[in-house]
C-alpha cells in the first residue's frame, strides 16, 4: 500500500522527536557524570578538559565575589585574610561536595568549548588566508569591524599554550546569573560555618548582584559570531562555500552561527542537532541550510576528521552522512528541524518524555 503524504509527515515528526531525545540524552548523561571519571560517558580527554574549564569558570566568579566581600568584612581579620588568600579555593570544594554543578545546560556549553578547542587545534594547514582574516580586510566596514571583534574575542579563549580558557563573558546571561548565585551561596556557607559571622546575607547578595549587573551576554564569542553571520546573510554572502571554509579553518562557533541563521534556529538548538550522537544531525542541518552537495561533503569530512562527536558509535562517517544528505530534500529536512524552532521549554519536555518512554520500553 502506498504511503500517504500524511503518514510520511508523521514519520518525519516522530524522527524529530527521537533525534531531540537522543541529543538531550547525551548531555544529560554528561551532566550527571562530568565529575565521576569511572562512569564518564565523555572521553577521558573531554572529561578532563571540561572539568578543568568548569573549575576555572567557578574560580573566576569566586575570585570576583571574594574581592568584593573582603572589602565588606575588613573588620573581621581572620575572614578578611581568608577571603584575600586567592591561592586557596573556598567555593569549588563546597560545590563539588554538594554536587550542584551537574547542570545539563552548563555541561552542553563546556563540551561545545572542548570541541571548539579540538577543531581549532586540528585545523588543516592553510593553503591561503583564513576566511575570518579576509573578512577583517573586507571593503564593507561593518563586516570588517565585526570580524575584527570576533578575532579579538577568539584570542581571549586560549592561553599562551593554546589551551582553552573560560573568559569573563562565556555563558548565556540566565546561566551566568544562576552560577553566580550558586557560588555566592557557597561563600555564604563558608563565612557562617567557618568564621561564625552573622548577618552576611545582605553583603553576599549585594556582591552577587553587582557582579550580575555588569555582565554583558552580547559580548560573548557566540553572540559576536551570530552578529557576523547575520550580517553576511543579509548581504547574501552566507552560503555553502563560506560555511565549508569556516569549518575547514576550525572556527566551530562561527560555523554553528551560520547554520543557525540559514536554518532559522538559535545557536544552542543548532549545536544540539549538530552533536546528535547517532550522527544524523550534521547532514540534516546542511541540507536544511540549502548547502550544495560538494560543499556539504567538504563540511562533513571536516567535522568527522576533527572529532568523533559528529559520527556515531555504530560507525557513521562522512560518506554515510552524505548518503543521508542525498536521501532527504531541503523541505523535509526543515520539517524535521521544526521541533528545534519551538520554545526551549517545550523541546525539553518532549525530550524528557521521549527519553523516559524509551528507557521504559528497553527495560520491558
Foldseek 3Di string as FASTA:
>chain_A
DDDDPVNVLVVLQVVLLVLLLLLLVLLLQCLVCLPPVVRHPDPPVLSVLLVVQVVQLLLVLLLLLLVLVLVVVVVQPVSNVVSPPSVDDQQVVVCVVVSPRSDSVSSLLSSVLVLLLLLQVPFDDDPDDQPLVVQLVDPPPVSNVLSVLLVVLVVVQADPVSRGHDDPAADDLVVVLVSSVSSLVRVVCCCCVVVVDPPCVVSSVVSSVVSSVPHDNCSHSLNSLLVSLVVCVVVVNQALVVLLSCSSNSRVSNNLSNLCVLLVFRSVLLSSLQQRQQQQRLLLSCQLSVHDLVSSLSNQQSVQVRDCSNHHPVDDGSVNNSVVNVVDHNVSSSSSCVLRNDDPVVSVVSSVVVNVVVVVVVVD
